[in-house]
């Protein structure tokens, strides 16, 4: 089901989610029910329907103790992200902390890195910059050179935003340059575009016009490339 979201086939993802919900009462295997609820939550999150994402993730959490798979920590982290997207920061903080505690209890510092960084982002949004910064830095340190580097880039962007709020644009640039390198290496076009745009802005504010122009041109080229790819995909789908 979620693979359709990854492929951009949202209508198919929703169709199979609805079909699955109709036959779910016939499914007795707890692990299968758990996996289905979690996947439906991810589908709704991709649709920016965060309330429904929360609803189905909570359903998964209700039965996670009876399932064969130990995915409780991931579900708690997902739930926290959904609340964060709704700007319900206290709820997000609660579930991020629950996720950290779960993974820490299992001596899994890598898995705990995502919710740890999430706590840092919550503190940042609450204006508690001094509490946010060390958590984000610790999370990044755990995530670099792992399969979870995408999250490291997000947390580096957050650190750059914190530095901007504190008036230190040089520090902001220092976080974004390695973030851009990682995004390029991983082929994350949208993140490359966003970081280039931020770098162009920061360099302009710093009066470094050559660097600002370089990153602005790079941003425009990346943006146009993404738009071109999206247009080609849309045309292909229209012909199908």
C-alpha atoms as a PDB file:
ATOM      1  CA  UNK A   1       0.000   0.000   0.000  1.00  0.00           C
ATOM      2  CA  UNK A   2       2.605   2.551   1.083  1.00  0.00           C
ATOM      3  CA  UNK A   3       4.756   1.642  -1.918  1.00  0.00           C
ATOM      4  CA  UNK A   4       2.149   3.427  -4.043  1.00  0.00           C
ATOM      5  CA  UNK A   5       2.784   6.593  -2.032  1.00  0.00           C
ATOM      6  CA  UNK A   6       6.514   6.263  -2.703  1.00  0.00           C
ATOM      7  CA  UNK A   7       5.726   5.928  -6.417  1.00  0.00           C
ATOM      8  CA  UNK A   8       3.468   8.972  -6.257  1.00  0.00           C
ATOM      9  CA  UNK A   9       0.340   6.912  -6.966  1.00  0.00           C
ATOM     10  CA  UNK A  10      -1.703   8.385  -4.141  1.00  0.00           C
ATOM     11  CA  UNK A  11      -5.089   7.355  -5.543  1.00  0.00           C
ATOM     12  CA  UNK A  12      -3.992   3.711  -5.621  1.00  0.00           C
ATOM     13  CA  UNK A  13      -2.693   3.944  -2.058  1.00  0.00           C
ATOM     14  CA  UNK A  14      -6.013   5.333  -0.841  1.00  0.00           C
ATOM     15  CA  UNK A  15      -7.952   2.710  -2.821  1.00  0.00           C
ATOM     16  CA  UNK A  16      -6.083  -0.185  -1.223  1.00  0.00           C
ATOM     17  CA  UNK A  17      -6.329   1.416   2.198  1.00  0.00           C
ATOM     18  CA  UNK A  18     -10.103   1.617   1.871  1.00  0.00           C
ATOM     19  CA  UNK A  19     -10.315  -1.922   0.492  1.00  0.00           C
ATOM     20  CA  UNK A  20      -8.227  -3.185   3.371  1.00  0.00           C
ATOM     21  CA  UNK A  21     -10.391  -1.479   5.954  1.00  0.00           C
ATOM     22  CA  UNK A  22     -13.437  -3.272   4.573  1.00  0.00           C
ATOM     23  CA  UNK A  23     -11.940  -6.747   4.980  1.00  0.00           C
ATOM     24  CA  UNK A  24      -9.933  -6.026   8.136  1.00  0.00           C
ATOM     25  CA  UNK A  25     -12.562  -7.586  10.466  1.00  0.00           C
ATOM     26  CA  UNK A  26     -11.774 -10.922   8.778  1.00  0.00           C
ATOM     27  CA  UNK A  27      -8.062 -10.651   9.589  1.00  0.00           C
ATOM     28  CA  UNK A  28      -7.293 -12.434  12.858  1.00  0.00           C
ATOM     29  CA  UNK A  29      -3.486 -12.254  12.841  1.00  0.00           C
ATOM     30  CA  UNK A  30      -2.512  -9.437  15.208  1.00  0.00           C
ATOM     31  CA  UNK A  31       0.772  -8.706  13.445  1.00  0.00           C
ATOM     32  CA  UNK A  32      -1.016  -8.287  10.118  1.00  0.00           C
ATOM     33  CA  UNK A  33      -3.584  -5.960  11.679  1.00  0.00           C
ATOM     34  CA  UNK A  34      -0.795  -3.960  13.313  1.00  0.00           C
ATOM     35  CA  UNK A  35       1.124  -3.637  10.057  1.00  0.00           C
ATOM     36  CA  UNK A  36      -2.022  -2.559   8.234  1.00  0.00           C
ATOM     37  CA  UNK A  37      -2.940   0.152  10.754  1.00  0.00           C
ATOM     38  CA  UNK A  38       0.616   1.518  10.717  1.00  0.00           C
ATOM     39  CA  UNK A  39       0.695   1.576   6.926  1.00  0.00           C
ATOM     40  CA  UNK A  40      -2.669   3.340   6.688  1.00  0.00           C
ATOM     41  CA  UNK A  41      -1.307   5.913   9.123  1.00  0.00           C
ATOM     42  CA  UNK A  42       1.657   6.486   6.814  1.00  0.00           C
ATOM     43  CA  UNK A  43      -0.630   6.872   3.809  1.00  0.00           C
ATOM     44  CA  UNK A  44      -2.725   9.520   5.532  1.00  0.00           C
ATOM     45  CA  UNK A  45       0.439  11.289   6.707  1.00  0.00           C
ATOM     46  CA  UNK A  46       1.594  11.471   3.082  1.00  0.00           C
ATOM     47  CA  UNK A  47      -1.776  13.041   2.269  1.00  0.00           C
ATOM     48  CA  UNK A  48      -1.210  15.597   5.080  1.00  0.00           C
ATOM     49  CA  UNK A  49      -4.294  14.221   6.831  1.00  0.00           C
ATOM     50  CA  UNK A  50      -2.559  14.187  10.189  1.00  0.00           C
ATOM     51  CA  UNK A  51      -5.669  13.546  12.268  1.00  0.00           C
ATOM     52  CA  UNK A  52      -6.360  10.307  10.408  1.00  0.00           C
ATOM     53  CA  UNK A  53      -2.668   9.411  10.571  1.00  0.00           C
ATOM     54  CA  UNK A  54      -2.836   9.787  14.349  1.00  0.00           C
ATOM     55  CA  UNK A  55      -6.048   7.760  14.522  1.00  0.00           C
ATOM     56  CA  UNK A  56      -4.634   4.695  12.777  1.00  0.00           C
ATOM     57  CA  UNK A  57      -1.236   4.871  14.439  1.00  0.00           C
ATOM     58  CA  UNK A  58      -2.988   4.867  17.806  1.00  0.00           C
ATOM     59  CA  UNK A  59      -4.937   1.798  16.689  1.00  0.00           C
ATOM     60  CA  UNK A  60      -1.626   0.109  15.916  1.00  0.00           C
ATOM     61  CA  UNK A  61      -0.256   1.048  19.330  1.00  0.00           C
ATOM     62  CA  UNK A  62      -3.312  -0.454  21.021  1.00  0.00           C
ATOM     63  CA  UNK A  63      -2.367  -3.922  19.777  1.00  0.00           C
ATOM     64  CA  UNK A  64       1.423  -3.662  19.484  1.00  0.00           C
ATOM     65  CA  UNK A  65       2.003  -5.534  22.746  1.00  0.00           C
ATOM     66  CA  UNK A  66       0.169  -8.566  21.316  1.00  0.00           C
ATOM     67  CA  UNK A  67       2.000  -8.639  17.983  1.00  0.00           C
ATOM     68  CA  UNK A  68       5.094 -10.598  17.083  1.00  0.00           C
ATOM     69  CA  UNK A  69       6.943  -7.528  15.797  1.00  0.00           C
ATOM     70  CA  UNK A  70       8.625  -5.056  18.143  1.00  0.00           C
ATOM     71  CA  UNK A  71       7.763  -1.803  16.375  1.00  0.00           C
ATOM     72  CA  UNK A  72       6.484   0.145  19.362  1.00  0.00           C
ATOM     73  CA  UNK A  73       9.361   2.624  19.337  1.00  0.00           C
ATOM     74  CA  UNK A  74       8.830   3.419  15.661  1.00  0.00           C
ATOM     75  CA  UNK A  75       5.081   3.821  16.134  1.00  0.00           C
ATOM     76  CA  UNK A  76       5.636   6.216  19.033  1.00  0.00           C
ATOM     77  CA  UNK A  77       8.063   8.230  16.918  1.00  0.00           C
ATOM     78  CA  UNK A  78       5.596   8.330  14.007  1.00  0.00           C
ATOM     79  CA  UNK A  79       2.803   9.456  16.301  1.00  0.00           C
ATOM     80  CA  UNK A  80       5.028  12.225  17.656  1.00  0.00           C
ATOM     81  CA  UNK A  81       5.796  13.390  14.104  1.00  0.00           C
ATOM     82  CA  UNK A  82       2.102  13.559  13.277  1.00  0.00           C
ATOM     83  CA  UNK A  83       1.369  15.656  16.358  1.00  0.00           C
ATOM     84  CA  UNK A  84       4.351  17.863  15.504  1.00  0.00           C
ATOM     85  CA  UNK A  85       2.879  18.418  12.031  1.00  0.00           C
ATOM     86  CA  UNK A  86      -0.327  19.615  13.700  1.00  0.00           C
ATOM     87  CA  UNK A  87       1.747  21.959  15.908  1.00  0.00           C
ATOM     88  CA  UNK A  88       0.535  20.071  18.982  1.00  0.00           C
ATOM     89  CA  UNK A  89       3.942  20.370  20.572  1.00  0.00           C
ATOM     90  CA  UNK A  90       3.184  19.021  24.042  1.00  0.00           C
ATOM     91  CA  UNK A  91       1.746  15.805  22.606  1.00  0.00           C
ATOM     92  CA  UNK A  92       4.663  15.539  20.188  1.00  0.00           C
ATOM     93  CA  UNK A  93       7.134  15.970  23.039  1.00  0.00           C
ATOM     94  CA  UNK A  94       5.397  13.293  25.107  1.00  0.00           C
ATOM     95  CA  UNK A  95       5.501  10.651  22.373  1.00  0.00           C
ATOM     96  CA  UNK A  96       9.026  11.523  21.233  1.00  0.00           C
ATOM     97  CA  UNK A  97      10.176  11.001  24.817  1.00  0.00           C
ATOM     98  CA  UNK A  98       8.265   7.711  25.018  1.00  0.00           C
ATOM     99  CA  UNK A  99      10.036   6.575  21.856  1.00  0.00           C
ATOM    100  CA  UNK A 100      13.466   7.569  23.197  1.00  0.00           C
ATOM    101  CA  UNK A 101      12.766   5.730  26.449  1.00  0.00           C
ATOM    102  CA  UNK A 102      11.655   2.615  24.557  1.00  0.00           C
ATOM    103  CA  UNK A 103      14.790   2.450  22.407  1.00  0.00           C
ATOM    104  CA  UNK A 104      17.097   3.387  25.278  1.00  0.00           C
ATOM    105  CA  UNK A 105      15.634   0.557  27.331  1.00  0.00           C
ATOM    106  CA  UNK A 106      16.548  -1.803  24.511  1.00  0.00           C
ATOM    107  CA  UNK A 107      20.069  -0.347  24.240  1.00  0.00           C
ATOM    108  CA  UNK A 108      19.421   0.887  20.693  1.00  0.00           C
ATOM    109  CA  UNK A 109      21.014   4.371  20.497  1.00  0.00           C
ATOM    110  CA  UNK A 110      20.736   4.576  16.709  1.00  0.00           C
ATOM    111  CA  UNK A 111      16.966   4.070  16.673  1.00  0.00           C
ATOM    112  CA  UNK A 112      16.658   6.542  19.558  1.00  0.00           C
ATOM    113  CA  UNK A 113      18.378   9.230  17.472  1.00  0.00           C
ATOM    114  CA  UNK A 114      15.297  10.170  15.428  1.00  0.00           C
ATOM    115  CA  UNK A 115      12.981  10.844  18.385  1.00  0.00           C
ATOM    116  CA  UNK A 116      15.876  12.512  20.222  1.00  0.00           C
ATOM    117  CA  UNK A 117      16.219  14.960  17.352  1.00  0.00           C
ATOM    118  CA  UNK A 118      12.435  15.290  17.354  1.00  0.00           C
ATOM    119  CA  UNK A 119      12.570  16.460  20.968  1.00  0.00           C
ATOM    120  CA  UNK A 120      15.162  19.007  19.882  1.00  0.00           C
ATOM    121  CA  UNK A 121      12.824  20.283  17.171  1.00  0.00           C
ATOM    122  CA  UNK A 122       9.974  20.604  19.658  1.00  0.00           C
ATOM    123  CA  UNK A 123      12.170  22.625  22.003  1.00  0.00           C
ATOM    124  CA  UNK A 124      13.226  24.795  19.070  1.00  0.00           C
ATOM    125  CA  UNK A 125       9.599  25.543  18.215  1.00  0.00           C
ATOM    126  CA  UNK A 126       8.972  26.369  21.860  1.00  0.00           C
ATOM    127  CA  UNK A 127      11.828  28.880  21.761  1.00  0.00           C
ATOM    128  CA  UNK A 128      14.003  26.818  24.113  1.00  0.00           C
ATOM    129  CA  UNK A 129      17.065  27.064  21.910  1.00  0.00           C
ATOM    130  CA  UNK A 130      19.649  26.121  24.534  1.00  0.00           C
ATOM    131  CA  UNK A 131      17.808  22.860  25.202  1.00  0.00           C
ATOM    132  CA  UNK A 132      17.202  22.153  21.530  1.00  0.00           C
ATOM    133  CA  UNK A 133      20.722  22.567  20.170  1.00  0.00           C
ATOM    134  CA  UNK A 134      22.610  19.811  22.054  1.00  0.00           C
ATOM    135  CA  UNK A 135      19.840  17.290  21.354  1.00  0.00           C
ATOM    136  CA  UNK A 136      19.939  18.007  17.628  1.00  0.00           C
ATOM    137  CA  UNK A 137      23.733  17.811  17.557  1.00  0.00           C
ATOM    138  CA  UNK A 138      23.699  14.490  19.420  1.00  0.00           C
ATOM    139  CA  UNK A 139      21.063  13.068  17.075  1.00  0.00           C
ATOM    140  CA  UNK A 140      23.077  14.097  14.003  1.00  0.00           C
ATOM    141  CA  UNK A 141      26.194  12.502  15.456  1.00  0.00           C
ATOM    142  CA  UNK A 142      24.384   9.189  15.789  1.00  0.00           C
ATOM    143  CA  UNK A 143      22.823   9.326  12.327  1.00  0.00           C
ATOM    144  CA  UNK A 144      25.696  10.302  10.021  1.00  0.00           C
ATOM    145  CA  UNK A 145      27.090   7.513   7.860  1.00  0.00           C
ATOM    146  CA  UNK A 146      24.032   5.347   8.535  1.00  0.00           C
ATOM    147  CA  UNK A 147      20.928   4.508   6.519  1.00  0.00           C
ATOM    148  CA  UNK A 148      19.119   7.277   8.409  1.00  0.00           C
ATOM    149  CA  UNK A 149      21.122  10.232   7.071  1.00  0.00           C
ATOM    150  CA  UNK A 150      17.956  11.815   5.680  1.00  0.00           C
ATOM    151  CA  UNK A 151      16.985  12.691   9.242  1.00  0.00           C
ATOM    152  CA  UNK A 152      20.466  14.088   9.896  1.00  0.00           C
ATOM    153  CA  UNK A 153      19.923  16.562   7.053  1.00  0.00           C
ATOM    154  CA  UNK A 154      16.574  17.652   8.501  1.00  0.00           C
ATOM    155  CA  UNK A 155      18.175  18.217  11.897  1.00  0.00           C
ATOM    156  CA  UNK A 156      21.024  20.207  10.314  1.00  0.00           C
ATOM    157  CA  UNK A 157      18.428  22.431   8.655  1.00  0.00           C
ATOM    158  CA  UNK A 158      16.826  22.909  12.058  1.00  0.00           C
ATOM    159  CA  UNK A 159      20.179  23.886  13.590  1.00  0.00           C
ATOM    160  CA  UNK A 160      20.651  26.423  10.796  1.00  0.00           C
ATOM    161  CA  UNK A 161      17.235  27.890  11.585  1.00  0.00           C
ATOM    162  CA  UNK A 162      18.184  28.105  15.268  1.00  0.00           C
ATOM    163  CA  UNK A 163      21.414  29.898  14.385  1.00  0.00           C
ATOM    164  CA  UNK A 164      19.438  32.324  12.215  1.00  0.00           C
ATOM    165  CA  UNK A 165      17.072  33.068  15.093  1.00  0.00           C
ATOM    166  CA  UNK A 166      20.102  33.842  17.244  1.00  0.00           C
ATOM    167  CA  UNK A 167      21.536  36.120  14.557  1.00  0.00           C
ATOM    168  CA  UNK A 168      24.546  33.962  13.649  1.00  0.00           C
ATOM    169  CA  UNK A 169      24.249  33.394   9.908  1.00  0.00           C
ATOM    170  CA  UNK A 170      27.839  32.188   9.622  1.00  0.00           C
ATOM    171  CA  UNK A 171      26.970  29.340  11.978  1.00  0.00           C
ATOM    172  CA  UNK A 172      23.818  28.666   9.946  1.00  0.00           C
ATOM    173  CA  UNK A 173      25.917  28.293   6.795  1.00  0.00           C
ATOM    174  CA  UNK A 174      28.241  25.961   8.687  1.00  0.00           C
ATOM    175  CA  UNK A 175      25.354  23.575   9.293  1.00  0.00           C
ATOM    176  CA  UNK A 176      23.920  23.763   5.788  1.00  0.00           C
ATOM    177  CA  UNK A 177      27.059  23.140   3.727  1.00  0.00           C
ATOM    178  CA  UNK A 178      27.534  19.559   5.036  1.00  0.00           C
ATOM    179  CA  UNK A 179      23.754  19.069   4.845  1.00  0.00           C
ATOM    180  CA  UNK A 180      23.897  19.929   1.146  1.00  0.00           C
ATOM    181  CA  UNK A 181      26.790  17.530   0.602  1.00  0.00           C
ATOM    182  CA  UNK A 182      24.819  14.714   2.212  1.00  0.00           C
ATOM    183  CA  UNK A 183      21.652  15.531   0.271  1.00  0.00           C
ATOM    184  CA  UNK A 184      23.577  15.480  -3.013  1.00  0.00           C
ATOM    185  CA  UNK A 185      25.307  12.207  -2.167  1.00  0.00           C
ATOM    186  CA  UNK A 186      21.972  10.584  -1.346  1.00  0.00           C
ATOM    187  CA  UNK A 187      20.268  12.005  -4.434  1.00  0.00           C
ATOM    188  CA  UNK A 188      17.618  13.847  -2.410  1.00  0.00           C
ATOM    189  CA  UNK A 189      16.621  16.407  -5.015  1.00  0.00           C
ATOM    190  CA  UNK A 190      14.007  18.252  -2.981  1.00  0.00           C
ATOM    191  CA  UNK A 191      16.323  18.650   0.000  1.00  0.00           C
ATOM    192  CA  UNK A 192      19.154  19.773  -2.305  1.00  0.00           C
ATOM    193  CA  UNK A 193      16.842  22.450  -3.694  1.00  0.00           C
ATOM    194  CA  UNK A 194      15.713  23.653  -0.266  1.00  0.00           C
ATOM    195  CA  UNK A 195      19.215  23.819   1.216  1.00  0.00           C
ATOM    196  CA  UNK A 196      20.547  25.672  -1.826  1.00  0.00           C
ATOM    197  CA  UNK A 197      17.782  28.246  -1.464  1.00  0.00           C
ATOM    198  CA  UNK A 198      18.611  28.753   2.213  1.00  0.00           C
ATOM    199  CA  UNK A 199      22.330  29.067   1.487  1.00  0.00           C
ATOM    200  CA  UNK A 200      21.656  31.676  -1.196  1.00  0.00           C
ATOM    201  CA  UNK A 201      19.619  33.690   1.307  1.00  0.00           C
ATOM    202  CA  UNK A 202      22.165  33.439   4.126  1.00  0.00           C
ATOM    203  CA  UNK A 203      25.101  34.377   1.907  1.00  0.00           C
ATOM    204  CA  UNK A 204      23.138  37.346   0.578  1.00  0.00           C
ATOM    205  CA  UNK A 205      22.453  38.506   4.133  1.00  0.00           C
ATOM    206  CA  UNK A 206      26.163  38.096   4.912  1.00  0.00           C
ATOM    207  CA  UNK A 207      27.050  40.287   1.937  1.00  0.00           C
ATOM    208  CA  UNK A 208      28.844  37.466   0.117  1.00  0.00           C
ATOM    209  CA  UNK A 209      27.215  38.115  -3.231  1.00  0.00           C
ATOM    210  CA  UNK A 210      29.294  35.687  -5.317  1.00  0.00           C
ATOM    211  CA  UNK A 211      28.375  32.757  -3.087  1.00  0.00           C
ATOM    212  CA  UNK A 212      24.764  33.942  -2.929  1.00  0.00           C
ATOM    213  CA  UNK A 213      24.557  34.067  -6.723  1.00  0.00           C
ATOM    214  CA  UNK A 214      26.167  30.637  -7.070  1.00  0.00           C
ATOM    215  CA  UNK A 215      23.688  28.969  -4.748  1.00  0.00           C
ATOM    216  CA  UNK A 216      20.741  30.871  -6.183  1.00  0.00           C
ATOM    217  CA  UNK A 217      21.597  29.659  -9.698  1.00  0.00           C
ATOM    218  CA  UNK A 218      22.032  26.135  -8.345  1.00  0.00           C
ATOM    219  CA  UNK A 219      18.661  26.407  -6.590  1.00  0.00           C
ATOM    220  CA  UNK A 220      16.904  27.550  -9.773  1.00  0.00           C
ATOM    221  CA  UNK A 221      18.468  24.747 -11.814  1.00  0.00           C
ATOM    222  CA  UNK A 222      17.463  22.134  -9.232  1.00  0.00           C
ATOM    223  CA  UNK A 223      13.939  23.554  -8.930  1.00  0.00           C
ATOM    224  CA  UNK A 224      13.454  23.523 -12.706  1.00  0.00           C
ATOM    225  CA  UNK A 225      14.804  19.977 -12.903  1.00  0.00           C
ATOM    226  CA  UNK A 226      12.281  18.773 -10.321  1.00  0.00           C
ATOM    227  CA  UNK A 227       9.439  20.574 -12.108  1.00  0.00           C
ATOM    228  CA  UNK A 228      10.481  19.017 -15.414  1.00  0.00           C
ATOM    229  CA  UNK A 229      10.526  15.518 -13.923  1.00  0.00           C
ATOM    230  CA  UNK A 230       7.117  16.080 -12.334  1.00  0.00           C
ATOM    231  CA  UNK A 231       5.689  17.307 -15.641  1.00  0.00           C
ATOM    232  CA  UNK A 232       7.006  14.264 -17.504  1.00  0.00           C
ATOM    233  CA  UNK A 233       5.505  11.948 -14.883  1.00  0.00           C
ATOM    234  CA  UNK A 234       2.163  13.753 -15.084  1.00  0.00           C
ATOM    235  CA  UNK A 235       2.123  13.418 -18.885  1.00  0.00           C
ATOM    236  CA  UNK A 236       2.968   9.723 -18.657  1.00  0.00           C
ATOM    237  CA  UNK A 237       0.157   9.145 -16.171  1.00  0.00           C
ATOM    238  CA  UNK A 238      -2.285  11.057 -18.377  1.00  0.00           C
ATOM    239  CA  UNK A 239      -1.449   8.803 -21.333  1.00  0.00           C
ATOM    240  CA  UNK A 240      -1.728   5.604 -19.288  1.00  0.00           C
END
